């Protein structure tokens, strides 16, 4: 696996961690929707960066 691909996979792992935090916050007794929205937005950005890097050389 190329270095660029490995770095892209790290972005995907970070997105997964952010989604995990969002799930945990959602399951709280009194979830803070602002926190959840921020975590999901962060995950979306990381996934977009992953797609840009990982699929950069794919037609």
Protein backbone atom coordinates (compact mmCIF):
# COMPACT_ATOMS: atom_id res chain seq x y z
CA UNK A 1 0.00 0.00 0.00
CA UNK A 2 1.32 3.41 -0.96
CA UNK A 3 2.05 6.03 1.68
CA UNK A 4 -0.69 8.27 0.27
CA UNK A 5 -3.21 5.43 0.64
CA UNK A 6 -2.10 4.78 4.23
CA UNK A 7 -2.54 8.44 5.10
CA UNK A 8 -5.98 8.41 3.51
CA UNK A 9 -6.96 5.37 5.56
CA UNK A 10 -5.93 7.26 8.70
CA UNK A 11 -8.45 9.94 7.75
CA UNK A 12 -11.12 7.28 7.48
CA UNK A 13 -10.16 5.94 10.91
CA UNK A 14 -10.42 9.43 12.37
CA UNK A 15 -13.87 9.83 10.80
CA UNK A 16 -14.90 6.53 12.37
CA UNK A 17 -13.71 7.75 15.77
CA UNK A 18 -15.70 10.98 15.39
CA UNK A 19 -18.82 8.99 14.48
CA UNK A 20 -18.24 6.79 17.52
CA UNK A 21 -18.13 9.87 19.74
CA UNK A 22 -21.33 11.13 18.10
CA UNK A 23 -23.05 7.81 18.81
CA UNK A 24 -21.90 7.91 22.44
CA UNK A 25 -23.19 11.45 22.83
CA UNK A 26 -26.50 10.46 21.22
CA UNK A 27 -26.93 7.67 23.75
CA UNK A 28 -26.46 10.03 26.73
CA UNK A 29 -29.39 10.77 29.00
CA UNK A 30 -29.44 14.37 27.77
CA UNK A 31 -27.53 14.50 24.47
CA UNK A 32 -26.22 17.85 23.30
CA UNK A 33 -27.33 18.14 19.68
CA UNK A 34 -24.78 20.88 18.99
CA UNK A 35 -21.96 18.52 19.95
CA UNK A 36 -23.44 15.73 17.84
CA UNK A 37 -23.85 18.05 14.85
CA UNK A 38 -20.22 19.22 15.18
CA UNK A 39 -18.90 15.64 15.44
CA UNK A 40 -20.90 14.52 12.38
CA UNK A 41 -19.75 17.58 10.42
CA UNK A 42 -16.16 16.76 11.35
CA UNK A 43 -16.63 13.16 10.19
CA UNK A 44 -18.09 14.37 6.89
CA UNK A 45 -15.06 16.56 6.26
CA UNK A 46 -12.68 13.71 7.07
CA UNK A 47 -14.56 11.37 4.74
CA UNK A 48 -14.44 13.97 1.95
CA UNK A 49 -10.68 14.35 2.46
CA UNK A 50 -10.33 10.56 2.43
CA UNK A 51 -12.20 10.32 -0.88
CA UNK A 52 -10.08 13.08 -2.42
CA UNK A 53 -6.83 11.39 -1.42
CA UNK A 54 -7.69 7.73 -1.80
CA UNK A 55 -9.48 7.99 -5.13
CA UNK A 56 -7.30 10.78 -6.56
CA UNK A 57 -5.72 8.59 -9.23
CA UNK A 58 -8.90 6.67 -10.08
CA UNK A 59 -10.68 7.71 -13.30
